[in-house]
Amino acid sequence: MINSKNINSKFKMNYKLFINFLLLILVFTLPQIIIAQNNKDEVFKQLKNKFDNLNTLNVKFKYKVSEFSNDNIEGTIRAKKGNKYYLNLGERVLVCNGKDIWNYSIEEKTVMLSKFNKNVKELSVEDVFFNLINNSKPISFNKSTKNNKVNTLLLSINDSYKDKYKINEIKLNLDDKKNLVSLELIDGKSSKFWEILDFDYNPDLKDTEFTFNAPKDVELIDLR
């Protein structure tokens, strides 16, 4: 018999990890940035406009401990306004329809089902995708003179949000055509590096895509 207290604790830990994943891929919602001038305020304005018009997304990403690390985690996420998301990390799948959350462990063959609580003092999908940019400001935009032609936009997070997001700065790396190619989050002591593999901006996503039907051989643990 599985201890419900341990399961609940484990679920909370996995949910926090999931939110961390979402935060780290926050700016993957940009399919392309067309920059008229190499000016940090102009670039940031266009970035913010993209987020203002963002309703849905579908992204494939790769997470690395550092830019030069060979260890990585690949995953996909599709999300829709209204606290709806489907995150696939290979061995774990997390799904929310705005009311319930399914946390599926393929290895353990268990699904933990709990109520979604938008009043909890933790970052939500809505916070990550629709609030963070409005609570940040541009620091600099540097056009590369190197052969790799990677340009960098650096953002800082407002003081009121630093404790929530546990980061101080966001570094966006753009290629010479101003496509977003990677992201680095900096917390003052360390950084996390993300690479974009594929991106679909505002795809047509149905609400039915944000429910989870457990396989027959999987144990459902209802924590609601």
C-alpha atoms as a PDB file:
ATOM      1  CA  MET A   1       0.000   0.000   0.000  1.00  0.00           C
ATOM      2  CA  ILE A   2       1.347   3.441  -0.955  1.00  0.00           C
ATOM      3  CA  ASN A   3       1.559   5.996   1.828  1.00  0.00           C
ATOM      4  CA  SER A   4      -0.682   8.941   0.843  1.00  0.00           C
ATOM      5  CA  LYS A   5       1.413  11.449   2.802  1.00  0.00           C
ATOM      6  CA  ASN A   6       4.557  10.433   0.940  1.00  0.00           C
ATOM      7  CA  ILE A   7       2.697  10.568  -2.362  1.00  0.00           C
ATOM      8  CA  ASN A   8       1.354  14.027  -1.595  1.00  0.00           C
ATOM      9  CA  SER A   9       4.827  15.264  -0.644  1.00  0.00           C
ATOM     10  CA  LYS A  10       6.292  13.740  -3.788  1.00  0.00           C
ATOM     11  CA  PHE A  11       3.596  15.344  -5.918  1.00  0.00           C
ATOM     12  CA  LYS A  12       4.344  18.787  -4.502  1.00  0.00           C
ATOM     13  CA  MET A  13       8.038  18.317  -5.243  1.00  0.00           C
ATOM     14  CA  ASN A  14       7.317  17.235  -8.820  1.00  0.00           C
ATOM     15  CA  TYR A  15       4.918  20.130  -9.321  1.00  0.00           C
ATOM     16  CA  LYS A  16       7.582  22.604  -8.214  1.00  0.00           C
ATOM     17  CA  LEU A  17      10.005  20.962 -10.652  1.00  0.00           C
ATOM     18  CA  PHE A  18       7.405  21.329 -13.378  1.00  0.00           C
ATOM     19  CA  ILE A  19       6.934  25.036 -12.655  1.00  0.00           C
ATOM     20  CA  ASN A  20      10.707  25.427 -12.763  1.00  0.00           C
ATOM     21  CA  PHE A  21      10.680  23.830 -16.216  1.00  0.00           C
ATOM     22  CA  LEU A  22       8.016  26.244 -17.356  1.00  0.00           C
ATOM     23  CA  LEU A  23       9.892  29.205 -16.067  1.00  0.00           C
ATOM     24  CA  LEU A  24      13.050  28.100 -17.804  1.00  0.00           C
ATOM     25  CA  ILE A  25      11.322  27.887 -21.161  1.00  0.00           C
ATOM     26  CA  LEU A  26       9.338  31.058 -20.698  1.00  0.00           C
ATOM     27  CA  VAL A  27      10.711  32.970 -23.671  1.00  0.00           C
ATOM     28  CA  PHE A  28      10.471  29.963 -25.968  1.00  0.00           C
ATOM     29  CA  THR A  29       7.132  31.484 -26.899  1.00  0.00           C
ATOM     30  CA  LEU A  30       8.869  33.659 -29.505  1.00  0.00           C
ATOM     31  CA  PRO A  31       8.953  32.137 -32.995  1.00  0.00           C
ATOM     32  CA  GLN A  32      10.902  35.056 -34.369  1.00  0.00           C
ATOM     33  CA  ILE A  33      11.974  38.555 -33.370  1.00  0.00           C
ATOM     34  CA  ILE A  34      12.213  41.105 -36.155  1.00  0.00           C
ATOM     35  CA  ILE A  35      14.351  43.963 -34.896  1.00  0.00           C
ATOM     36  CA  ALA A  36      14.307  47.313 -36.628  1.00  0.00           C
ATOM     37  CA  GLN A  37      17.109  48.734 -34.515  1.00  0.00           C
ATOM     38  CA  ASN A  38      19.793  47.273 -32.270  1.00  0.00           C
ATOM     39  CA  ASN A  39      18.231  49.012 -29.282  1.00  0.00           C
ATOM     40  CA  LYS A  40      17.397  47.234 -26.029  1.00  0.00           C
ATOM     41  CA  ASP A  41      14.138  49.131 -25.527  1.00  0.00           C
ATOM     42  CA  GLU A  42      12.951  48.455 -29.068  1.00  0.00           C
ATOM     43  CA  VAL A  43      13.824  44.767 -28.832  1.00  0.00           C
ATOM     44  CA  PHE A  44      12.109  44.482 -25.467  1.00  0.00           C
ATOM     45  CA  LYS A  45       9.011  46.259 -26.779  1.00  0.00           C
ATOM     46  CA  GLN A  46       8.676  43.698 -29.568  1.00  0.00           C
ATOM     47  CA  LEU A  47       9.256  40.892 -27.090  1.00  0.00           C
ATOM     48  CA  LYS A  48       6.496  42.217 -24.836  1.00  0.00           C
ATOM     49  CA  ASN A  49       4.118  42.594 -27.793  1.00  0.00           C
ATOM     50  CA  LYS A  50       4.621  38.901 -28.584  1.00  0.00           C
ATOM     51  CA  PHE A  51       3.619  37.974 -25.046  1.00  0.00           C
ATOM     52  CA  ASP A  52       0.624  40.294 -25.056  1.00  0.00           C
ATOM     53  CA  ASN A  53      -0.713  38.356 -28.062  1.00  0.00           C
ATOM     54  CA  LEU A  54       0.193  34.918 -26.751  1.00  0.00           C
ATOM     55  CA  ASN A  55      -2.746  32.559 -26.179  1.00  0.00           C
ATOM     56  CA  THR A  56      -1.331  29.087 -26.895  1.00  0.00           C
ATOM     57  CA  LEU A  57       2.059  27.497 -27.566  1.00  0.00           C
ATOM     58  CA  ASN A  58       3.712  24.228 -28.523  1.00  0.00           C
ATOM     59  CA  VAL A  59       7.452  23.950 -27.883  1.00  0.00           C
ATOM     60  CA  LYS A  60      10.147  21.292 -28.060  1.00  0.00           C
ATOM     61  CA  PHE A  61      13.175  22.118 -25.922  1.00  0.00           C
ATOM     62  CA  LYS A  62      16.438  20.820 -24.533  1.00  0.00           C
ATOM     63  CA  TYR A  63      17.630  21.671 -21.026  1.00  0.00           C
ATOM     64  CA  LYS A  64      21.325  21.673 -20.129  1.00  0.00           C
ATOM     65  CA  VAL A  65      23.086  22.206 -16.823  1.00  0.00           C
ATOM     66  CA  SER A  66      25.309  24.645 -18.699  1.00  0.00           C
ATOM     67  CA  GLU A  67      25.804  25.776 -22.271  1.00  0.00           C
ATOM     68  CA  PHE A  68      28.749  23.403 -22.735  1.00  0.00           C
ATOM     69  CA  SER A  69      27.334  20.391 -20.893  1.00  0.00           C
ATOM     70  CA  ASN A  70      26.688  17.121 -22.727  1.00  0.00           C
ATOM     71  CA  ASP A  71      24.014  16.106 -20.207  1.00  0.00           C
ATOM     72  CA  ASN A  72      20.568  17.282 -21.229  1.00  0.00           C
ATOM     73  CA  ILE A  73      16.848  16.654 -20.870  1.00  0.00           C
ATOM     74  CA  GLU A  74      14.540  16.944 -23.875  1.00  0.00           C
ATOM     75  CA  GLY A  75      10.855  17.663 -23.500  1.00  0.00           C
ATOM     76  CA  THR A  76       7.767  19.199 -25.053  1.00  0.00           C
ATOM     77  CA  ILE A  77       5.076  21.456 -23.708  1.00  0.00           C
ATOM     78  CA  ARG A  78       1.803  22.744 -25.069  1.00  0.00           C
ATOM     79  CA  ALA A  79      -0.155  25.293 -23.073  1.00  0.00           C
ATOM     80  CA  LYS A  80      -3.238  27.474 -23.269  1.00  0.00           C
ATOM     81  CA  LYS A  81      -4.488  30.437 -21.261  1.00  0.00           C
ATOM     82  CA  GLY A  82      -6.652  29.387 -18.363  1.00  0.00           C
ATOM     83  CA  ASN A  83      -4.098  27.225 -16.524  1.00  0.00           C
ATOM     84  CA  LYS A  84      -4.156  24.493 -19.180  1.00  0.00           C
ATOM     85  CA  TYR A  85      -0.942  22.638 -20.041  1.00  0.00           C
ATOM     86  CA  TYR A  86       0.540  19.313 -21.128  1.00  0.00           C
ATOM     87  CA  LEU A  87       4.218  18.758 -20.271  1.00  0.00           C
ATOM     88  CA  ASN A  88       6.026  15.648 -21.477  1.00  0.00           C
ATOM     89  CA  LEU A  89       9.497  14.997 -20.037  1.00  0.00           C
ATOM     90  CA  GLY A  90       9.831  11.453 -21.314  1.00  0.00           C
ATOM     91  CA  GLU A  91       9.569   9.524 -18.053  1.00  0.00           C
ATOM     92  CA  ARG A  92       7.039  11.913 -16.537  1.00  0.00           C
ATOM     93  CA  VAL A  93       3.937  13.637 -17.902  1.00  0.00           C
ATOM     94  CA  LEU A  94       2.079  16.479 -16.178  1.00  0.00           C
ATOM     95  CA  VAL A  95      -1.336  17.613 -17.408  1.00  0.00           C
ATOM     96  CA  CYS A  96      -3.721  20.302 -16.139  1.00  0.00           C
ATOM     97  CA  ASN A  97      -7.157  21.271 -17.472  1.00  0.00           C
ATOM     98  CA  GLY A  98      -7.501  24.294 -15.205  1.00  0.00           C
ATOM     99  CA  LYS A  99      -9.330  22.284 -12.536  1.00  0.00           C
ATOM    100  CA  ASP A 100      -7.358  19.076 -11.998  1.00  0.00           C
ATOM    101  CA  ILE A 101      -3.687  18.081 -12.335  1.00  0.00           C
ATOM    102  CA  TRP A 102      -2.458  14.643 -13.421  1.00  0.00           C
ATOM    103  CA  ASN A 103       1.128  13.695 -12.526  1.00  0.00           C
ATOM    104  CA  TYR A 104       2.006  10.502 -14.425  1.00  0.00           C
ATOM    105  CA  SER A 105       5.174   8.515 -13.696  1.00  0.00           C
ATOM    106  CA  ILE A 106       5.812   6.026 -16.488  1.00  0.00           C
ATOM    107  CA  GLU A 107       8.487   4.181 -14.515  1.00  0.00           C
ATOM    108  CA  GLU A 108       6.365   3.807 -11.370  1.00  0.00           C
ATOM    109  CA  LYS A 109       3.141   3.232 -13.324  1.00  0.00           C
ATOM    110  CA  THR A 110       1.207   5.659 -11.140  1.00  0.00           C
ATOM    111  CA  VAL A 111      -0.894   8.754 -11.770  1.00  0.00           C
ATOM    112  CA  MET A 112      -1.400  11.243  -8.962  1.00  0.00           C
ATOM    113  CA  LEU A 113      -4.555  13.322  -9.433  1.00  0.00           C
ATOM    114  CA  SER A 114      -5.119  16.493  -7.425  1.00  0.00           C
ATOM    115  CA  LYS A 115      -7.160  19.664  -7.542  1.00  0.00           C
ATOM    116  CA  PHE A 116      -5.585  22.709  -9.154  1.00  0.00           C
ATOM    117  CA  ASN A 117      -5.485  25.575  -6.662  1.00  0.00           C
ATOM    118  CA  LYS A 118      -4.811  28.965  -8.223  1.00  0.00           C
ATOM    119  CA  ASN A 119      -4.555  30.569  -4.775  1.00  0.00           C
ATOM    120  CA  VAL A 120      -1.450  28.686  -3.673  1.00  0.00           C
ATOM    121  CA  LYS A 121       1.630  30.821  -3.121  1.00  0.00           C
ATOM    122  CA  GLU A 122       3.582  29.150  -5.914  1.00  0.00           C
ATOM    123  CA  LEU A 123       4.201  30.086  -9.507  1.00  0.00           C
ATOM    124  CA  SER A 124       1.468  28.989 -11.890  1.00  0.00           C
ATOM    125  CA  VAL A 125       1.484  28.555 -15.642  1.00  0.00           C
ATOM    126  CA  GLU A 126      -0.332  31.867 -15.928  1.00  0.00           C
ATOM    127  CA  ASP A 127       2.416  33.578 -13.907  1.00  0.00           C
ATOM    128  CA  VAL A 128       5.176  32.136 -16.033  1.00  0.00           C
ATOM    129  CA  PHE A 129       3.760  32.770 -19.485  1.00  0.00           C
ATOM    130  CA  PHE A 130       1.723  35.921 -19.010  1.00  0.00           C
ATOM    131  CA  ASN A 131       3.142  37.877 -16.050  1.00  0.00           C
ATOM    132  CA  LEU A 132       6.924  37.615 -15.992  1.00  0.00           C
ATOM    133  CA  ILE A 133       7.703  39.799 -19.003  1.00  0.00           C
ATOM    134  CA  ASN A 134       5.478  42.538 -17.591  1.00  0.00           C
ATOM    135  CA  ASN A 135       7.612  42.378 -14.460  1.00  0.00           C
ATOM    136  CA  SER A 136      10.997  42.670 -16.110  1.00  0.00           C
ATOM    137  CA  LYS A 137      12.963  45.364 -17.907  1.00  0.00           C
ATOM    138  CA  PRO A 138      15.785  45.432 -20.459  1.00  0.00           C
ATOM    139  CA  ILE A 139      19.366  45.928 -19.318  1.00  0.00           C
ATOM    140  CA  SER A 140      21.268  45.670 -22.572  1.00  0.00           C
ATOM    141  CA  PHE A 141      21.268  44.371 -26.138  1.00  0.00           C
ATOM    142  CA  ASN A 142      24.634  43.351 -27.573  1.00  0.00           C
ATOM    143  CA  LYS A 143      25.089  42.557 -31.241  1.00  0.00           C
ATOM    144  CA  SER A 144      27.721  39.876 -31.703  1.00  0.00           C
ATOM    145  CA  THR A 145      30.881  40.482 -33.699  1.00  0.00           C
ATOM    146  CA  LYS A 146      31.901  36.809 -33.465  1.00  0.00           C
ATOM    147  CA  ASN A 147      31.561  34.117 -36.115  1.00  0.00           C
ATOM    148  CA  ASN A 148      28.593  32.465 -34.386  1.00  0.00           C
ATOM    149  CA  LYS A 149      26.616  35.712 -34.779  1.00  0.00           C
ATOM    150  CA  VAL A 150      24.666  35.252 -31.556  1.00  0.00           C
ATOM    151  CA  ASN A 151      23.149  38.490 -30.250  1.00  0.00           C
ATOM    152  CA  THR A 152      22.202  38.849 -26.589  1.00  0.00           C
ATOM    153  CA  LEU A 153      19.288  40.639 -24.907  1.00  0.00           C
ATOM    154  CA  LEU A 154      19.642  40.832 -21.128  1.00  0.00           C
ATOM    155  CA  LEU A 155      16.602  41.403 -18.878  1.00  0.00           C
ATOM    156  CA  SER A 156      16.345  42.043 -15.157  1.00  0.00           C
ATOM    157  CA  ILE A 157      13.426  40.996 -12.936  1.00  0.00           C
ATOM    158  CA  ASN A 158      11.571  43.500 -10.773  1.00  0.00           C
ATOM    159  CA  ASP A 159      12.367  43.209  -7.066  1.00  0.00           C
ATOM    160  CA  SER A 160       8.846  42.081  -6.172  1.00  0.00           C
ATOM    161  CA  TYR A 161       9.222  39.028  -8.441  1.00  0.00           C
ATOM    162  CA  LYS A 162      12.802  38.014  -7.714  1.00  0.00           C
ATOM    163  CA  ASP A 163      11.858  35.934  -4.688  1.00  0.00           C
ATOM    164  CA  LYS A 164       9.101  34.154  -6.601  1.00  0.00           C
ATOM    165  CA  TYR A 165      11.131  33.271  -9.657  1.00  0.00           C
ATOM    166  CA  LYS A 166      14.462  32.774  -7.873  1.00  0.00           C
ATOM    167  CA  ILE A 167      16.313  34.478 -10.720  1.00  0.00           C
ATOM    168  CA  ASN A 168      17.884  37.896 -11.184  1.00  0.00           C
ATOM    169  CA  GLU A 169      18.369  38.081 -14.937  1.00  0.00           C
ATOM    170  CA  ILE A 170      17.226  36.453 -18.187  1.00  0.00           C
ATOM    171  CA  LYS A 171      19.644  36.218 -21.104  1.00  0.00           C
ATOM    172  CA  LEU A 172      18.065  35.687 -24.532  1.00  0.00           C
ATOM    173  CA  ASN A 173      20.371  34.574 -27.344  1.00  0.00           C
ATOM    174  CA  LEU A 174      19.319  35.423 -30.903  1.00  0.00           C
ATOM    175  CA  ASP A 175      20.877  34.432 -34.205  1.00  0.00           C
ATOM    176  CA  ASP A 176      21.762  36.930 -36.912  1.00  0.00           C
ATOM    177  CA  LYS A 177      18.222  36.713 -38.294  1.00  0.00           C
ATOM    178  CA  LYS A 178      16.921  37.512 -34.810  1.00  0.00           C
ATOM    179  CA  ASN A 179      15.460  34.055 -34.182  1.00  0.00           C
ATOM    180  CA  LEU A 180      15.552  32.947 -30.553  1.00  0.00           C
ATOM    181  CA  VAL A 181      18.024  30.061 -30.332  1.00  0.00           C
ATOM    182  CA  SER A 182      18.700  29.693 -26.612  1.00  0.00           C
ATOM    183  CA  LEU A 183      17.960  31.011 -23.139  1.00  0.00           C
ATOM    184  CA  GLU A 184      19.987  31.361 -19.971  1.00  0.00           C
ATOM    185  CA  LEU A 185      18.589  32.103 -16.520  1.00  0.00           C
ATOM    186  CA  ILE A 186      20.951  33.680 -13.999  1.00  0.00           C
ATOM    187  CA  ASP A 187      20.376  33.699 -10.238  1.00  0.00           C
ATOM    188  CA  GLY A 188      23.644  35.331  -9.212  1.00  0.00           C
ATOM    189  CA  LYS A 189      25.365  32.091  -8.208  1.00  0.00           C
ATOM    190  CA  SER A 190      24.654  29.801 -11.134  1.00  0.00           C
ATOM    191  CA  SER A 191      22.827  29.656 -14.445  1.00  0.00           C
ATOM    192  CA  LYS A 192      20.655  27.246 -16.428  1.00  0.00           C
ATOM    193  CA  PHE A 193      20.812  26.917 -20.203  1.00  0.00           C
ATOM    194  CA  TRP A 194      18.004  26.002 -22.592  1.00  0.00           C
ATOM    195  CA  GLU A 195      18.030  25.367 -26.331  1.00  0.00           C
ATOM    196  CA  ILE A 196      15.001  25.644 -28.621  1.00  0.00           C
ATOM    197  CA  LEU A 197      14.516  22.682 -30.941  1.00  0.00           C
ATOM    198  CA  ASP A 198      11.118  23.557 -32.381  1.00  0.00           C
ATOM    199  CA  PHE A 199       8.418  26.128 -31.751  1.00  0.00           C
ATOM    200  CA  ASP A 200       4.786  26.710 -32.718  1.00  0.00           C
ATOM    201  CA  TYR A 201       3.304  30.078 -31.741  1.00  0.00           C
ATOM    202  CA  ASN A 202      -0.464  30.281 -31.054  1.00  0.00           C
ATOM    203  CA  PRO A 203      -1.385  26.844 -32.452  1.00  0.00           C
ATOM    204  CA  ASP A 204      -5.001  25.687 -32.464  1.00  0.00           C
ATOM    205  CA  LEU A 205      -5.289  23.734 -29.212  1.00  0.00           C
ATOM    206  CA  LYS A 206      -8.582  22.220 -28.038  1.00  0.00           C
ATOM    207  CA  ASP A 207      -9.510  22.025 -24.363  1.00  0.00           C
ATOM    208  CA  THR A 208      -9.826  18.241 -24.738  1.00  0.00           C
ATOM    209  CA  GLU A 209      -6.041  18.070 -25.226  1.00  0.00           C
ATOM    210  CA  PHE A 210      -5.551  18.984 -21.562  1.00  0.00           C
ATOM    211  CA  THR A 211      -7.062  15.907 -19.965  1.00  0.00           C
ATOM    212  CA  PHE A 212      -5.319  12.641 -19.176  1.00  0.00           C
ATOM    213  CA  ASN A 213      -6.639   9.106 -19.562  1.00  0.00           C
ATOM    214  CA  ALA A 214      -4.468   6.697 -17.598  1.00  0.00           C
ATOM    215  CA  PRO A 215      -3.502   3.374 -19.224  1.00  0.00           C
ATOM    216  CA  LYS A 216      -5.244   0.299 -17.793  1.00  0.00           C
ATOM    217  CA  ASP A 217      -2.140  -1.031 -16.017  1.00  0.00           C
ATOM    218  CA  VAL A 218      -1.477   2.274 -14.215  1.00  0.00           C
ATOM    219  CA  GLU A 219      -2.545   2.936 -10.608  1.00  0.00           C
ATOM    220  CA  LEU A 220      -4.594   6.105 -10.095  1.00  0.00           C
ATOM    221  CA  ILE A 221      -3.996   7.875  -6.771  1.00  0.00           C
ATOM    222  CA  ASP A 222      -6.714  10.456  -6.196  1.00  0.00           C
ATOM    223  CA  LEU A 223      -5.527  13.210  -3.835  1.00  0.00           C
ATOM    224  CA  ARG A 224      -8.529  15.488  -4.326  1.00  0.00           C
END
